[in-house]
Structures are given as structure tokens and as C-alpha cells.
Amino acid sequence: MESCAQAQAIPGHGLVGDRYFIGTGTFAKKPQLPDFEITLVESEAIEAFSRESGLAFTAHHARRNLVTRGVALNDLVDVEFSVGSVRIKGLRLCEPCNYLAKSTSPAVLRGLLHRGGLRAQILTEGTIRVGDALTRG
């Protein structure tokens, strides 16, 4: 996992360079499922979990592609939205899994339940940059 200033989004594949884009993610399937193309998480959820649990849990530990601020991601299930110029559709919540619990703390299973982020499908090709606005509709 590494932070980057921008990423190329490709419909049907995901973000160039991501482990799921190249098919090596822990839960990678052939053919790739749309809900593994891109994941998002709220910075507020990460900060709240860290505060509540007392763990030094960061966005890096959350293992999601995009970190948002000021957006209720749970409200974007079955909704189309844009990040910069890239169109995306929210598909389902990205609940914490046992892999995440093993690599961080078992507390994430309960602490991030229903606030672990959003799994989404990339609808249009483009570049997503740090600081791009997320707009609904």
C-alpha cells in the first residue's frame, strides 16, 4: 500500500497499479467483480475508530483506494457520483474483513462495522487526483 497524488481509473479493471487491477488482491476473482474496482472510506470513520479504540489506526491501515472527508459514503450505495471527472457507482458497503483484523486488530471487525467504506464500480475512464471533489448525481 502506498499513497499517490493521482491514479488512472479504468472501467472493468479498477485503478492502474492497484493489487485488484492486476488480479493479486486477497479476494481477487476471475473474472473480476465490479465491486472490487475501487473502494472508498471516510476519514471521519477512521479518526473516530482510532479515538474510540485507542489504536493508532490510519487511512493506510484501512486499505481503501480513496479517503474522503465530508461525504456520507453509506448514502452512496446504488448511487452514481463523480470523483473529479471519473463517474463511479456505489455498489455495497465495504465491511471490515478477517484479513484486515489479522493485519491490524480484531477490534476493526466491530469498530468499523457499517463504516468501513464503500465498494464501487468505475463507469468512465479518467484520472483521479488528491483533492478532487466527490459530487453526487
Protein backbone atom coordinates (compact mmCIF):
# COMPACT_ATOMS: atom_id res chain seq x y z
CA MET A 1 0.00 0.00 0.00
CA GLU A 2 1.25 3.43 -0.90
CA SER A 3 -0.20 6.89 -1.24
CA CYS A 4 -0.09 8.59 -4.60
CA ALA A 5 -1.11 12.01 -5.91
CA GLN A 6 -3.19 10.56 -8.75
CA ALA A 7 -4.46 7.30 -10.18
CA GLN A 8 -5.78 6.26 -13.57
CA ALA A 9 -9.27 4.71 -13.32
CA ILE A 10 -10.23 2.09 -15.93
CA PRO A 11 -13.80 0.72 -16.14
CA GLY A 12 -13.95 -3.06 -15.73
CA HIS A 13 -10.49 -3.14 -14.12
CA GLY A 14 -10.00 -0.56 -11.37
CA LEU A 15 -7.09 1.73 -10.60
CA VAL A 16 -3.86 1.18 -12.53
CA GLY A 17 -1.27 -0.23 -10.14
CA ASP A 18 -3.79 -1.47 -7.57
CA ARG A 19 -3.50 -5.10 -6.45
CA TYR A 20 -7.01 -5.87 -7.73
CA PHE A 21 -6.27 -4.25 -11.09
CA ILE A 22 -3.54 -6.84 -11.63
CA GLY A 23 -5.54 -9.66 -10.00
CA THR A 24 -3.40 -10.22 -6.91
CA GLY A 25 -5.72 -8.87 -4.22
CA THR A 26 -6.57 -11.19 -1.34
CA PHE A 27 -10.11 -11.67 -2.65
CA ALA A 28 -9.37 -11.33 -6.38
CA LYS A 29 -11.64 -13.38 -8.63
CA LYS A 30 -11.58 -14.18 -12.33
CA PRO A 31 -13.42 -12.55 -13.97
CA GLN A 32 -13.07 -9.50 -11.74
CA LEU A 33 -16.23 -8.37 -9.99
CA PRO A 34 -17.28 -4.70 -10.37
CA ASP A 35 -17.31 -4.12 -6.59
CA PHE A 36 -13.55 -4.69 -6.45
CA GLU A 37 -12.73 -1.88 -8.90
CA ILE A 38 -12.48 0.91 -6.32
CA THR A 39 -13.04 1.31 -2.59
CA LEU A 40 -13.58 4.46 -0.55
CA VAL A 41 -13.53 5.19 3.18
CA GLU A 42 -14.42 8.26 5.24
CA SER A 43 -11.54 9.91 7.08
CA GLU A 44 -14.03 10.73 9.84
CA ALA A 45 -14.75 6.99 10.36
CA ILE A 46 -11.04 6.20 10.57
CA GLU A 47 -10.46 9.02 13.06
CA ALA A 48 -13.47 8.01 15.18
CA PHE A 49 -12.39 4.36 15.29
CA SER A 50 -8.86 5.35 16.29
CA ARG A 51 -10.20 7.61 19.04
CA GLU A 52 -12.75 5.06 20.35
CA SER A 53 -10.39 2.08 20.26
CA GLY A 54 -7.23 3.85 21.38
CA LEU A 55 -5.41 2.25 18.43
CA ALA A 56 -3.13 4.20 16.11
CA PHE A 57 -5.31 3.23 13.13
CA THR A 58 -4.81 5.34 9.99
CA ALA A 59 -6.05 5.51 6.41
CA HIS A 60 -3.06 3.36 5.46
CA HIS A 61 -4.33 0.59 7.75
CA ALA A 62 -7.85 0.80 6.27
CA ARG A 63 -6.54 -0.43 2.88
CA ARG A 64 -9.07 1.51 0.77
CA ASN A 65 -8.27 3.25 -2.51
CA LEU A 66 -9.73 6.68 -1.76
CA VAL A 67 -10.10 8.52 1.54
CA THR A 68 -12.90 11.10 1.65
CA ARG A 69 -13.87 13.89 4.01
CA GLY A 70 -17.35 15.34 4.48
CA VAL A 71 -19.16 12.65 2.48
CA ALA A 72 -21.58 10.06 3.92
CA LEU A 73 -20.44 7.07 1.86
CA ASN A 74 -23.18 4.74 3.14
CA ASP A 75 -25.67 7.01 1.37
CA LEU A 76 -23.97 6.28 -1.98
CA VAL A 77 -24.96 2.61 -2.28
CA ASP A 78 -26.80 2.26 -5.63
CA VAL A 79 -25.97 5.89 -6.46
CA GLU A 80 -23.86 7.30 -9.31
CA PHE A 81 -21.37 10.01 -8.39
CA SER A 82 -18.16 11.56 -9.67
CA VAL A 83 -14.70 11.94 -8.21
CA GLY A 84 -13.20 14.69 -10.32
CA SER A 85 -14.15 13.74 -13.88
CA VAL A 86 -14.48 9.99 -13.20
CA ARG A 87 -18.02 8.58 -12.94
CA ILE A 88 -18.47 5.87 -10.30
CA LYS A 89 -21.41 3.85 -8.97
CA GLY A 90 -21.60 2.82 -5.33
CA LEU A 91 -22.44 -0.89 -5.10
CA ARG A 92 -22.26 -2.02 -1.47
CA LEU A 93 -20.70 -1.29 1.88
CA CYS A 94 -17.08 -2.34 2.30
CA GLU A 95 -17.30 -4.05 5.67
CA PRO A 96 -14.13 -4.91 7.59
CA CYS A 97 -12.90 -8.46 6.98
CA ASN A 98 -10.82 -11.04 8.85
CA TYR A 99 -7.79 -10.19 6.70
CA LEU A 100 -7.96 -6.58 7.92
CA ALA A 101 -8.46 -7.77 11.51
CA LYS A 102 -5.41 -10.06 11.29
CA SER A 103 -3.21 -7.34 9.79
CA THR A 104 -4.31 -4.65 12.29
CA SER A 105 -6.52 -5.59 15.25
CA PRO A 106 -9.61 -7.75 15.82
CA ALA A 107 -11.27 -4.58 17.10
CA VAL A 108 -11.79 -3.40 13.50
CA LEU A 109 -14.46 -6.05 12.90
CA ARG A 110 -16.79 -4.39 15.37
CA GLY A 111 -15.37 -0.87 15.36
CA LEU A 112 -15.69 -0.32 11.61
CA LEU A 113 -18.89 -2.30 11.08
CA HIS A 114 -21.15 -0.28 8.73
CA ARG A 115 -18.49 2.43 8.49
CA GLY A 116 -15.68 0.57 6.76
CA GLY A 117 -16.31 2.28 3.46
CA LEU A 118 -17.90 1.72 0.07
CA ARG A 119 -17.21 -0.74 -2.77
CA ALA A 120 -17.84 0.83 -6.15
CA GLN A 121 -17.67 0.35 -9.90
CA ILE A 122 -15.78 2.69 -12.21
CA LEU A 123 -18.06 3.82 -15.06
CA THR A 124 -15.79 6.15 -17.04
CA GLU A 125 -12.05 6.26 -17.63
CA GLY A 126 -10.04 9.13 -16.23
CA THR A 127 -7.56 10.35 -13.67
CA ILE A 128 -8.49 10.77 -10.00
CA ARG A 129 -6.33 13.26 -8.14
CA VAL A 130 -5.85 14.07 -4.46
CA GLY A 131 -8.20 16.93 -3.70
CA ASP A 132 -10.77 16.08 -6.40
CA ALA A 133 -14.33 16.79 -5.29
CA LEU A 134 -16.82 13.94 -4.87
CA THR A 135 -20.16 15.07 -6.31
CA ARG A 136 -23.39 13.16 -6.25
CA GLY A 137 -25.59 12.69 -9.29
